[in-house]
C-alpha atoms as a PDB file:
ATOM      1  CA  MET A   1     -37.092 -17.801   5.839  1.00  0.00           C
ATOM      2  CA  ARG A   2     -35.039 -15.687   8.286  1.00  0.00           C
ATOM      3  CA  LYS A   3     -31.955 -16.012   6.080  1.00  0.00           C
ATOM      4  CA  LEU A   4     -33.973 -14.811   3.080  1.00  0.00           C
ATOM      5  CA  LEU A   5     -35.365 -11.865   5.065  1.00  0.00           C
ATOM      6  CA  ALA A   6     -31.881 -10.910   6.256  1.00  0.00           C
ATOM      7  CA  ALA A   7     -30.534 -11.070   2.689  1.00  0.00           C
ATOM      8  CA  VAL A   8     -33.427  -8.940   1.417  1.00  0.00           C
ATOM      9  CA  LEU A   9     -32.861  -6.340   4.140  1.00  0.00           C
ATOM     10  CA  VAL A  10     -29.125  -6.117   3.405  1.00  0.00           C
ATOM     11  CA  ALA A  11     -29.836  -5.807  -0.328  1.00  0.00           C
ATOM     12  CA  ALA A  12     -32.402  -3.065   0.324  1.00  0.00           C
ATOM     13  CA  ALA A  13     -29.991  -1.116   2.526  1.00  0.00           C
ATOM     14  CA  LEU A  14     -27.193  -1.415  -0.036  1.00  0.00           C
ATOM     15  CA  ALA A  15     -29.571  -0.349  -2.820  1.00  0.00           C
ATOM     16  CA  ALA A  16     -30.553   2.711  -0.799  1.00  0.00           C
ATOM     17  CA  LEU A  17     -26.881   3.640  -0.516  1.00  0.00           C
ATOM     18  CA  ALA A  18     -26.279   3.087  -4.218  1.00  0.00           C
ATOM     19  CA  LEU A  19     -29.286   5.168  -5.198  1.00  0.00           C
ATOM     20  CA  GLY A  20     -28.011   8.241  -3.448  1.00  0.00           C
ATOM     21  CA  VAL A  21     -28.658   8.254   0.272  1.00  0.00           C
ATOM     22  CA  ALA A  22     -25.549  10.429   0.454  1.00  0.00           C
ATOM     23  CA  GLN A  23     -24.460  13.598  -1.282  1.00  0.00           C
ATOM     24  CA  LEU A  24     -21.074  13.513  -2.972  1.00  0.00           C
ATOM     25  CA  GLY A  25     -18.304  14.821  -0.744  1.00  0.00           C
ATOM     26  CA  HIS A  26     -19.985  14.388   2.624  1.00  0.00           C
ATOM     27  CA  ALA A  27     -20.111  11.724   5.268  1.00  0.00           C
ATOM     28  CA  THR A  28     -23.747  10.855   5.785  1.00  0.00           C
ATOM     29  CA  SER A  29     -25.766   8.405   7.772  1.00  0.00           C
ATOM     30  CA  SER A  30     -29.284   7.095   7.527  1.00  0.00           C
ATOM     31  CA  ARG A  31     -31.574   4.774   9.444  1.00  0.00           C
ATOM     32  CA  ILE A  32     -34.122   2.389   7.956  1.00  0.00           C
ATOM     33  CA  ALA A  33     -36.717   0.895  10.304  1.00  0.00           C
ATOM     34  CA  THR A  34     -37.426  -2.833   9.845  1.00  0.00           C
ATOM     35  CA  THR A  35     -39.281  -5.494  11.805  1.00  0.00           C
ATOM     36  CA  SER A  36     -35.974  -6.811  13.196  1.00  0.00           C
ATOM     37  CA  GLY A  37     -34.772  -3.367  14.252  1.00  0.00           C
ATOM     38  CA  ASP A  38     -33.167  -0.329  12.686  1.00  0.00           C
ATOM     39  CA  VAL A  39     -30.717  -0.804   9.830  1.00  0.00           C
ATOM     40  CA  PHE A  40     -27.982   1.843   9.927  1.00  0.00           C
ATOM     41  CA  ALA A  41     -26.097   3.019   6.859  1.00  0.00           C
ATOM     42  CA  GLN A  42     -22.986   5.217   6.725  1.00  0.00           C
ATOM     43  CA  ARG A  43     -21.330   6.589   3.584  1.00  0.00           C
ATOM     44  CA  PHE A  44     -18.274   8.697   2.780  1.00  0.00           C
ATOM     45  CA  ASP A  45     -17.420   9.769  -0.793  1.00  0.00           C
ATOM     46  CA  ASP A  46     -14.383  12.058  -0.487  1.00  0.00           C
ATOM     47  CA  ASN A  47     -10.791  10.846  -0.735  1.00  0.00           C
ATOM     48  CA  MET A  48      -9.165  10.029   2.606  1.00  0.00           C
ATOM     49  CA  VAL A  49      -5.446   9.463   3.175  1.00  0.00           C
ATOM     50  CA  VAL A  50      -4.731   6.124   4.861  1.00  0.00           C
ATOM     51  CA  ALA A  51      -2.121   6.481   7.604  1.00  0.00           C
ATOM     52  CA  GLY A  52      -1.334   4.965  10.944  1.00  0.00           C
ATOM     53  CA  THR A  53      -0.627   1.483  12.207  1.00  0.00           C
ATOM     54  CA  PRO A  54      -2.687  -1.517  13.317  1.00  0.00           C
ATOM     55  CA  ALA A  55      -2.658  -0.024  16.839  1.00  0.00           C
ATOM     56  CA  ALA A  56      -3.719   3.447  15.612  1.00  0.00           C
ATOM     57  CA  PRO A  57      -5.436   3.062  12.212  1.00  0.00           C
ATOM     58  CA  THR A  58      -7.309   5.594  10.090  1.00  0.00           C
ATOM     59  CA  LEU A  59     -11.009   5.666  11.006  1.00  0.00           C
ATOM     60  CA  VAL A  60     -12.967   5.540   7.733  1.00  0.00           C
ATOM     61  CA  LEU A  61     -16.549   5.040   8.973  1.00  0.00           C
ATOM     62  CA  GLN A  62     -18.252   4.631  12.347  1.00  0.00           C
ATOM     63  CA  LYS A  63     -21.739   4.053  13.723  1.00  0.00           C
ATOM     64  CA  SER A  64     -21.660   4.856  17.439  1.00  0.00           C
ATOM     65  CA  ALA A  65     -23.663   3.588  20.392  1.00  0.00           C
ATOM     66  CA  LEU A  66     -25.212   0.432  18.967  1.00  0.00           C
ATOM     67  CA  PRO A  67     -27.081  -1.394  21.725  1.00  0.00           C
ATOM     68  CA  ALA A  68     -26.056  -4.897  22.795  1.00  0.00           C
ATOM     69  CA  GLY A  69     -27.254  -7.544  20.360  1.00  0.00           C
ATOM     70  CA  SER A  70     -26.447  -9.499  17.211  1.00  0.00           C
ATOM     71  CA  TYR A  71     -25.499  -7.686  14.010  1.00  0.00           C
ATOM     72  CA  VAL A  72     -24.395  -8.223  10.448  1.00  0.00           C
ATOM     73  CA  VAL A  73     -21.979  -5.523   9.291  1.00  0.00           C
ATOM     74  CA  THR A  74     -21.116  -5.167   5.624  1.00  0.00           C
ATOM     75  CA  ALA A  75     -18.790  -2.545   4.194  1.00  0.00           C
ATOM     76  CA  LYS A  76     -17.080  -1.659   0.946  1.00  0.00           C
ATOM     77  CA  LEU A  77     -14.615   0.969  -0.184  1.00  0.00           C
ATOM     78  CA  ILE A  78     -12.159   1.744  -2.957  1.00  0.00           C
ATOM     79  CA  ALA A  79      -8.441   1.780  -2.049  1.00  0.00           C
ATOM     80  CA  PHE A  80      -6.017   3.425  -4.459  1.00  0.00           C
ATOM     81  CA  GLY A  81      -2.418   4.515  -4.780  1.00  0.00           C
ATOM     82  CA  ALA A  82      -0.771   7.569  -6.282  1.00  0.00           C
ATOM     83  CA  ALA A  83       1.730   7.733  -9.122  1.00  0.00           C
ATOM     84  CA  ASN A  84       5.163   6.407  -8.140  1.00  0.00           C
ATOM     85  CA  SER A  85       3.825   4.881  -4.933  1.00  0.00           C
ATOM     86  CA  PHE A  86       3.041   1.439  -3.567  1.00  0.00           C
ATOM     87  CA  ALA A  87       1.333   0.078  -0.447  1.00  0.00           C
ATOM     88  CA  ARG A  88      -0.678  -2.750   0.979  1.00  0.00           C
ATOM     89  CA  VAL A  89      -3.874  -1.313   2.450  1.00  0.00           C
ATOM     90  CA  VAL A  90      -5.264  -3.363   5.342  1.00  0.00           C
ATOM     91  CA  CYS A  91      -8.885  -2.703   6.379  1.00  0.00           C
ATOM     92  CA  GLN A  92     -11.083  -4.055   9.151  1.00  0.00           C
ATOM     93  CA  ALA A  93     -14.766  -4.016  10.023  1.00  0.00           C
ATOM     94  CA  LYS A  94     -15.077  -4.093  13.825  1.00  0.00           C
ATOM     95  CA  LEU A  95     -17.924  -4.345  16.309  1.00  0.00           C
ATOM     96  CA  GLY A  96     -17.345  -5.478  19.873  1.00  0.00           C
ATOM     97  CA  THR A  97     -14.927  -8.390  19.729  1.00  0.00           C
ATOM     98  CA  GLY A  98     -15.893  -9.242  16.138  1.00  0.00           C
ATOM     99  CA  VAL A  99     -13.401  -8.377  13.404  1.00  0.00           C
ATOM    100  CA  ASP A 100     -13.174  -9.008   9.650  1.00  0.00           C
ATOM    101  CA  THR A 101      -9.832  -8.150   8.032  1.00  0.00           C
ATOM    102  CA  THR A 102      -8.810  -7.925   4.394  1.00  0.00           C
ATOM    103  CA  SER A 103      -5.981  -6.318   2.454  1.00  0.00           C
ATOM    104  CA  THR A 104      -5.166  -5.245  -1.065  1.00  0.00           C
ATOM    105  CA  THR A 105      -2.068  -3.949  -2.813  1.00  0.00           C
ATOM    106  CA  VAL A 106      -2.288  -0.623  -4.651  1.00  0.00           C
ATOM    107  CA  GLY A 107       0.146   1.544  -6.556  1.00  0.00           C
ATOM    108  CA  VAL A 108       2.421   1.059  -9.526  1.00  0.00           C
ATOM    109  CA  LYS A 109       4.687  -1.807  -8.399  1.00  0.00           C
ATOM    110  CA  LYS A 110       4.446  -5.284  -9.946  1.00  0.00           C
ATOM    111  CA  GLY A 111       1.459  -7.154  -8.531  1.00  0.00           C
ATOM    112  CA  ALA A 112      -0.365  -3.973  -7.541  1.00  0.00           C
ATOM    113  CA  SER A 113      -3.372  -2.249  -9.087  1.00  0.00           C
ATOM    114  CA  GLU A 114      -4.033   1.448  -9.308  1.00  0.00           C
ATOM    115  CA  ASP A 115      -7.267   0.969  -7.394  1.00  0.00           C
ATOM    116  CA  GLN A 116      -9.022  -1.966  -5.774  1.00  0.00           C
ATOM    117  CA  SER A 117     -12.450  -2.639  -4.319  1.00  0.00           C
ATOM    118  CA  VAL A 118     -12.365  -3.802  -0.720  1.00  0.00           C
ATOM    119  CA  ALA A 119     -15.287  -5.703   0.821  1.00  0.00           C
ATOM    120  CA  LEU A 120     -15.809  -6.629   4.470  1.00  0.00           C
ATOM    121  CA  LEU A 121     -18.500  -8.787   6.098  1.00  0.00           C
ATOM    122  CA  LEU A 122     -18.893  -9.406   9.818  1.00  0.00           C
ATOM    123  CA  ALA A 123     -21.514 -11.256  11.860  1.00  0.00           C
ATOM    124  CA  THR A 124     -21.129 -10.771  15.605  1.00  0.00           C
ATOM    125  CA  THR A 125     -22.945 -10.551  18.918  1.00  0.00           C
ATOM    126  CA  THR A 126     -22.090  -7.872  21.456  1.00  0.00           C
ATOM    127  CA  ALA A 127     -22.883  -8.010  25.173  1.00  0.00           C
ATOM    128  CA  SER A 128     -22.776  -4.233  25.625  1.00  0.00           C
ATOM    129  CA  THR A 129     -23.178  -0.978  23.708  1.00  0.00           C
ATOM    130  CA  GLY A 130     -20.539  -0.659  21.014  1.00  0.00           C
ATOM    131  CA  ASN A 131     -19.360   1.113  17.879  1.00  0.00           C
ATOM    132  CA  ALA A 132     -19.296  -0.429  14.403  1.00  0.00           C
ATOM    133  CA  ARG A 133     -16.175   0.839  12.646  1.00  0.00           C
ATOM    134  CA  VAL A 134     -14.255   0.490   9.429  1.00  0.00           C
ATOM    135  CA  VAL A 135     -10.561   1.237   9.875  1.00  0.00           C
ATOM    136  CA  CYS A 136      -7.565   0.993   7.524  1.00  0.00           C
ATOM    137  CA  TRP A 137      -3.778   1.367   7.658  1.00  0.00           C
ATOM    138  CA  PRO A 138      -0.908   1.032   5.159  1.00  0.00           C
ATOM    139  CA  GLU A 139       1.849  -1.572   5.189  1.00  0.00           C
ATOM    140  CA  GLU A 140       5.063  -1.687   3.156  1.00  0.00           C
ATOM    141  CA  ALA A 141       4.313   1.791   1.772  1.00  0.00           C
ATOM    142  CA  THR A 142       6.685   3.680  -0.519  1.00  0.00           C
ATOM    143  CA  GLY A 143       6.047   7.095  -2.026  1.00  0.00           C
ATOM    144  CA  ARG A 144       2.857   8.984  -1.280  1.00  0.00           C
ATOM    145  CA  PRO A 145       0.416   7.322   1.135  1.00  0.00           C
ATOM    146  CA  PRO A 146      -2.533   5.345  -0.241  1.00  0.00           C
ATOM    147  CA  GLN A 147      -6.093   6.656  -0.058  1.00  0.00           C
ATOM    148  CA  VAL A 148      -9.633   5.318   0.226  1.00  0.00           C
ATOM    149  CA  SER A 149     -12.857   6.674  -1.229  1.00  0.00           C
ATOM    150  CA  ILE A 150     -16.521   5.829  -1.819  1.00  0.00           C
ATOM    151  CA  ALA A 151     -16.787   3.971   1.488  1.00  0.00           C
ATOM    152  CA  SER A 152     -20.076   2.629   2.799  1.00  0.00           C
ATOM    153  CA  MET A 153     -21.149   0.491   5.732  1.00  0.00           C
ATOM    154  CA  VAL A 154     -24.478  -1.107   6.613  1.00  0.00           C
ATOM    155  CA  VAL A 155     -25.163  -2.358  10.149  1.00  0.00           C
ATOM    156  CA  MET A 156     -28.192  -4.618  10.426  1.00  0.00           C
ATOM    157  CA  PRO A 157     -29.543  -6.138  13.652  1.00  0.00           C
ATOM    158  CA  VAL A 158     -30.494  -9.821  13.492  1.00  0.00           C
ATOM    159  CA  ALA A 159     -32.299 -12.039  15.982  1.00  0.00           C
ATOM    160  CA  SER A 160     -29.266 -14.262  16.554  1.00  0.00           C
ATOM    161  CA  ILE A 161     -26.118 -15.642  14.959  1.00  0.00           C
ATOM    162  CA  SER A 162     -25.512 -19.384  14.838  1.00  0.00           C
ATOM    163  CA  PRO A 163     -21.951 -20.711  14.779  1.00  0.00           C
END
C-alpha cells in the first residue's frame, strides 16, 4: 500500500509540473502538502549552457535546506547540441551521499542525437539537512557547448527506504 501511495504522489507531483506549475522562461518552485510530508517541485524552462567539470558542474536545479530524512528524487531534462558540435552530457541527481548519474550524447556526430531526454531517479536517506540538486557537465565536447532545457525535479519525503 505504501508503494502505491508513493507512486501516486510522484505521479501527482509530475502531473502538476506538466500542467503548468511554472511559467515559461522562469525557474519556479512549488510545494504540495501530503500526509507523508511536503513534496517539493522545481522547474526551469529556459536554455542553459552546460559547462564545467565533474568537480565543478553546472547547477541546473536545486531545492535547498531539506531536513534530515528519506527522500525519492526524480528529475528530467532535455539535453541538446548545436550545429557542428558534439558532446556527451553527464547529469546527476544528488542529495546527501545519494547520487544517480546518467549520460547522453548530443550533437551532429555519428551516434549522437540533436536532443535527448535525460531521466534521473534517486532514493536516499540523509542524516542532516541537505540540498537536492541536479547538475550536469560536458565530456568530449567539440564545437559550441551543449545545453539543457525544460528541466524539472520532484523531491518527495518517504517514511523509509529499504535496501
